[in-house]
């Protein structure tokens, strides 16, 4: 009976290893041949957009894509640490158990809310309206404010122990340099898809860096897939089972 039980356990482990290797291979192929090329094309498309000013926005047809850089202006939102636009995440702590049975806390951020009210861009001394859009993506080196909770459960984050339930605000202050990507609204102004903390050059570079990151991640997955398959397979077949 022990022999059959051992065989079942090893076969189950082998199946798990095979599934893991297939998942890694599939994700690697997705990243290398779809996500990375798609992001690279997006970066090139953004790079080729013409330099735009307030007059360009005024003369654009509703639905036209716009890429404008200026100083973001707006009123500080209530209870938002002086941010005029922000996204807020919640820190969630979990206990990860290793093969040796040791428990180690780890944490991850979960998005709670994104707030982008009606704002304005100062573009060379002229105003461009940026319309409210809760679905806009806020990116780049954003300002960060952490609000720790009183929970006793903590996990490491940025060289500190952060309690479960802590909040992280990321966003813009009045006067920040911002590059806005969006479309001309029928009512005038820009309906933003993305607000980037920085100038046009930095924004384009970040898009190319994202494409490179996806490619590298995909290659790593492809390399790890056969390693997991053969290494894990050998461990599943010949490794010692715990009693």
Protein backbone atom coordinates (compact mmCIF):
# COMPACT_ATOMS: atom_id res chain seq x y z
CA UNK A 1 0.00 0.00 0.00
CA UNK A 2 2.87 2.35 0.84
CA UNK A 3 4.39 1.69 -2.58
CA UNK A 4 1.16 2.56 -4.39
CA UNK A 5 0.72 5.66 -2.22
CA UNK A 6 4.27 6.77 -3.00
CA UNK A 7 3.71 6.25 -6.72
CA UNK A 8 0.50 8.27 -6.61
CA UNK A 9 2.25 11.09 -4.78
CA UNK A 10 5.13 11.15 -7.24
CA UNK A 11 2.78 11.02 -10.22
CA UNK A 12 0.71 13.89 -8.77
CA UNK A 13 3.87 15.93 -8.20
CA UNK A 14 4.99 15.20 -11.76
CA UNK A 15 1.65 16.37 -13.14
CA UNK A 16 1.93 19.56 -11.08
CA UNK A 17 5.42 20.20 -12.41
CA UNK A 18 4.21 19.66 -15.97
CA UNK A 19 1.32 22.08 -15.52
CA UNK A 20 3.66 24.68 -14.03
CA UNK A 21 6.07 24.34 -16.95
CA UNK A 22 3.27 24.67 -19.49
CA UNK A 23 1.93 27.77 -17.74
CA UNK A 24 5.40 29.35 -17.77
CA UNK A 25 5.86 28.47 -21.44
CA UNK A 26 2.45 29.89 -22.39
CA UNK A 27 3.01 33.11 -20.45
CA UNK A 28 6.48 33.48 -21.93
CA UNK A 29 5.16 33.10 -25.47
CA UNK A 30 2.38 35.59 -24.71
CA UNK A 31 4.83 38.16 -23.40
CA UNK A 32 7.46 37.73 -26.13
CA UNK A 33 5.23 37.44 -29.19
CA UNK A 34 2.20 39.53 -28.25
CA UNK A 35 2.45 41.85 -25.26
CA UNK A 36 6.01 43.11 -25.87
CA UNK A 37 5.54 43.77 -29.63
CA UNK A 38 2.19 45.43 -28.94
CA UNK A 39 3.75 47.71 -26.32
CA UNK A 40 6.64 48.49 -28.67
CA UNK A 41 4.23 49.54 -31.41
CA UNK A 42 2.36 51.70 -28.89
CA UNK A 43 5.62 53.36 -27.84
CA UNK A 44 6.53 54.11 -31.45
CA UNK A 45 3.04 55.45 -32.15
CA UNK A 46 3.24 57.82 -29.20
CA UNK A 47 6.77 58.86 -30.18
CA UNK A 48 5.54 59.82 -33.66
CA UNK A 49 2.72 62.04 -32.42
CA UNK A 50 3.45 65.70 -33.29
CA UNK A 51 4.44 68.31 -30.72
CA UNK A 52 1.20 69.91 -29.52
CA UNK A 53 0.30 73.17 -27.80
CA UNK A 54 -2.90 74.88 -26.70
CA UNK A 55 -3.68 75.99 -30.26
CA UNK A 56 -3.42 72.38 -31.46
CA UNK A 57 -5.94 71.28 -28.85
CA UNK A 58 -8.33 74.10 -29.77
CA UNK A 59 -8.16 73.26 -33.47
CA UNK A 60 -8.45 69.50 -33.06
CA UNK A 61 -11.57 67.58 -34.06
CA UNK A 62 -13.46 65.70 -31.32
CA UNK A 63 -11.96 62.23 -31.08
CA UNK A 64 -8.48 63.27 -32.27
CA UNK A 65 -5.61 61.90 -30.18
CA UNK A 66 -3.66 64.52 -28.25
CA UNK A 67 -0.34 64.51 -26.40
CA UNK A 68 0.29 67.70 -24.44
CA UNK A 69 2.82 68.64 -21.76
CA UNK A 70 2.29 71.42 -19.24
CA UNK A 71 1.95 72.38 -15.59
CA UNK A 72 -1.08 70.71 -14.03
CA UNK A 73 -3.33 73.09 -12.11
CA UNK A 74 -6.20 72.31 -9.77
CA UNK A 75 -7.57 72.52 -6.23
CA UNK A 76 -6.42 70.09 -3.55
CA UNK A 77 -9.00 67.35 -3.06
CA UNK A 78 -10.49 66.98 0.44
CA UNK A 79 -8.83 64.39 2.70
CA UNK A 80 -6.30 63.59 -0.04
CA UNK A 81 -2.98 64.89 1.35
CA UNK A 82 -3.03 67.98 -0.90
CA UNK A 83 -3.21 65.91 -4.09
CA UNK A 84 -5.19 67.37 -6.99
CA UNK A 85 -5.38 63.95 -8.69
CA UNK A 86 -4.42 60.62 -7.19
CA UNK A 87 -4.82 56.88 -6.95
CA UNK A 88 -4.95 55.07 -3.61
CA UNK A 89 -3.91 51.49 -2.85
CA UNK A 90 -4.43 49.28 0.20
CA UNK A 91 -1.65 47.12 1.65
CA UNK A 92 -2.73 43.50 2.10
CA UNK A 93 -0.55 41.19 4.19
CA UNK A 94 -0.59 37.41 3.83
CA UNK A 95 1.42 34.59 5.36
CA UNK A 96 3.42 32.49 2.89
CA UNK A 97 4.40 29.00 4.04
CA UNK A 98 7.61 27.47 2.72
CA UNK A 99 8.26 23.76 2.08
CA UNK A 100 9.92 23.59 5.50
CA UNK A 101 6.73 24.80 7.15
CA UNK A 102 8.10 28.24 8.02
CA UNK A 103 5.68 31.16 7.74
CA UNK A 104 6.89 34.39 6.18
CA UNK A 105 4.72 37.51 5.78
CA UNK A 106 4.50 39.24 2.42
CA UNK A 107 2.34 42.07 1.16
CA UNK A 108 0.88 43.45 -2.04
CA UNK A 109 -1.02 46.57 -3.06
CA UNK A 110 -4.66 46.46 -4.10
CA UNK A 111 -6.16 49.42 -5.99
CA UNK A 112 -9.06 51.08 -4.19
CA UNK A 113 -9.75 54.26 -6.10
CA UNK A 114 -8.52 56.65 -8.79
CA UNK A 115 -9.67 60.29 -8.74
CA UNK A 116 -9.04 62.67 -11.60
CA UNK A 117 -11.35 65.70 -11.38
CA UNK A 118 -11.59 68.56 -13.87
CA UNK A 119 -8.12 70.11 -14.11
CA UNK A 120 -6.17 72.50 -16.32
CA UNK A 121 -2.80 72.41 -18.02
CA UNK A 122 -0.67 75.53 -18.30
CA UNK A 123 0.88 75.04 -21.74
CA UNK A 124 3.22 77.90 -22.55
CA UNK A 125 1.06 80.39 -20.68
CA UNK A 126 -2.22 79.18 -22.22
CA UNK A 127 -4.82 76.99 -20.56
CA UNK A 128 -5.95 73.58 -21.74
CA UNK A 129 -8.85 71.89 -19.94
CA UNK A 130 -8.29 68.33 -18.71
CA UNK A 131 -11.66 66.72 -18.06
CA UNK A 132 -12.55 64.44 -15.17
CA UNK A 133 -11.79 60.78 -15.89
CA UNK A 134 -11.74 58.20 -13.09
CA UNK A 135 -10.48 55.60 -15.58
CA UNK A 136 -7.34 57.55 -16.51
CA UNK A 137 -3.99 55.88 -15.77
CA UNK A 138 -1.59 57.82 -13.53
CA UNK A 139 2.03 56.87 -14.24
CA UNK A 140 5.63 57.95 -13.90
CA UNK A 141 7.48 59.07 -10.74
CA UNK A 142 4.37 60.11 -8.80
CA UNK A 143 4.42 61.67 -5.35
CA UNK A 144 3.82 59.05 -2.64
CA UNK A 145 2.22 59.40 0.79
CA UNK A 146 1.88 56.39 3.11
CA UNK A 147 -0.73 56.23 5.86
CA UNK A 148 0.06 53.27 8.15
CA UNK A 149 -2.79 51.41 9.84
CA UNK A 150 -2.84 50.17 13.43
CA UNK A 151 -2.78 46.48 12.51
CA UNK A 152 -0.21 44.22 14.18
CA UNK A 153 0.22 42.19 11.01
CA UNK A 154 3.08 43.66 9.00
CA UNK A 155 5.10 42.88 5.88
CA UNK A 156 8.25 44.51 4.48
CA UNK A 157 7.81 47.35 2.00
CA UNK A 158 10.51 49.74 0.85
CA UNK A 159 12.90 49.03 3.77
CA UNK A 160 10.18 49.22 6.42
CA UNK A 161 7.52 47.04 8.04
CA UNK A 162 4.13 48.22 6.86
CA UNK A 163 0.94 47.18 8.72
CA UNK A 164 -1.91 45.40 6.97
CA UNK A 165 -4.57 47.82 5.75
CA UNK A 166 -2.18 50.76 5.30
CA UNK A 167 -2.98 53.18 2.48
CA UNK A 168 -0.71 54.51 -0.24
CA UNK A 169 -1.59 57.70 -2.11
CA UNK A 170 0.17 58.28 -5.44
CA UNK A 171 -0.57 61.40 -7.43
CA UNK A 172 0.03 64.99 -8.48
CA UNK A 173 0.32 68.28 -6.65
CA UNK A 174 -0.68 71.65 -8.05
CA UNK A 175 2.02 72.86 -10.47
CA UNK A 176 3.53 69.47 -11.33
CA UNK A 177 4.91 68.95 -14.84
CA UNK A 178 2.59 66.45 -16.52
CA UNK A 179 2.27 64.91 -19.98
CA UNK A 180 -1.33 64.12 -20.88
CA UNK A 181 -2.33 61.53 -23.48
CA UNK A 182 -5.99 61.51 -24.46
CA UNK A 183 -8.61 62.52 -26.98
CA UNK A 184 -10.27 65.80 -27.85
CA UNK A 185 -13.63 65.92 -26.11
CA UNK A 186 -16.77 67.06 -27.89
CA UNK A 187 -17.19 69.74 -25.22
CA UNK A 188 -13.60 70.92 -25.71
CA UNK A 189 -10.43 70.10 -23.79
CA UNK A 190 -8.80 66.70 -23.34
CA UNK A 191 -10.42 63.54 -22.05
CA UNK A 192 -7.29 61.87 -20.60
CA UNK A 193 -6.32 58.25 -20.99
CA UNK A 194 -3.02 58.73 -19.15
CA UNK A 195 -1.37 61.38 -17.00
CA UNK A 196 2.40 60.94 -16.80
CA UNK A 197 4.60 62.66 -14.21
CA UNK A 198 7.22 64.20 -16.47
CA UNK A 199 7.84 65.64 -19.92
CA UNK A 200 7.20 64.12 -23.33
CA UNK A 201 10.71 62.64 -23.67
CA UNK A 202 10.46 60.85 -20.32
CA UNK A 203 6.99 59.58 -21.22
CA UNK A 204 8.18 58.08 -24.51
CA UNK A 205 11.18 56.52 -22.77
CA UNK A 206 8.89 54.94 -20.19
CA UNK A 207 6.81 53.38 -22.96
CA UNK A 208 9.90 51.86 -24.59
CA UNK A 209 11.13 50.66 -21.18
CA UNK A 210 7.79 48.94 -20.59
CA UNK A 211 8.15 47.08 -23.90
CA UNK A 212 11.69 46.04 -22.99
CA UNK A 213 10.53 44.87 -19.56
CA UNK A 214 7.80 42.71 -21.05
CA UNK A 215 10.29 41.15 -23.48
CA UNK A 216 12.81 40.37 -20.74
CA UNK A 217 10.11 38.89 -18.50
CA UNK A 218 8.90 36.71 -21.36
CA UNK A 219 12.41 35.44 -22.15
CA UNK A 220 12.97 34.60 -18.48
CA UNK A 221 9.73 32.60 -18.43
CA UNK A 222 10.74 30.71 -21.58
CA UNK A 223 14.14 29.88 -20.10
CA UNK A 224 12.63 28.81 -16.77
CA UNK A 225 10.01 26.56 -18.37
CA UNK A 226 12.35 23.65 -19.35
CA UNK A 227 14.31 24.13 -16.10
CA UNK A 228 11.12 23.68 -14.10
CA UNK A 229 10.05 20.75 -16.26
CA UNK A 230 13.27 18.75 -16.05
CA UNK A 231 14.49 19.86 -12.64
CA UNK A 232 11.09 19.58 -11.02
CA UNK A 233 10.38 16.34 -12.84
CA UNK A 234 13.57 14.73 -11.56
CA UNK A 235 12.84 15.96 -8.05
CA UNK A 236 9.29 14.58 -8.25
CA UNK A 237 10.49 11.16 -9.43
CA UNK A 238 13.68 10.64 -7.45
CA UNK A 239 13.30 13.06 -4.55
CA UNK A 240 12.79 11.76 -1.05
CA UNK A 241 9.22 11.97 0.20
CA UNK A 242 8.49 13.38 3.67
CA UNK A 243 7.10 10.91 6.15
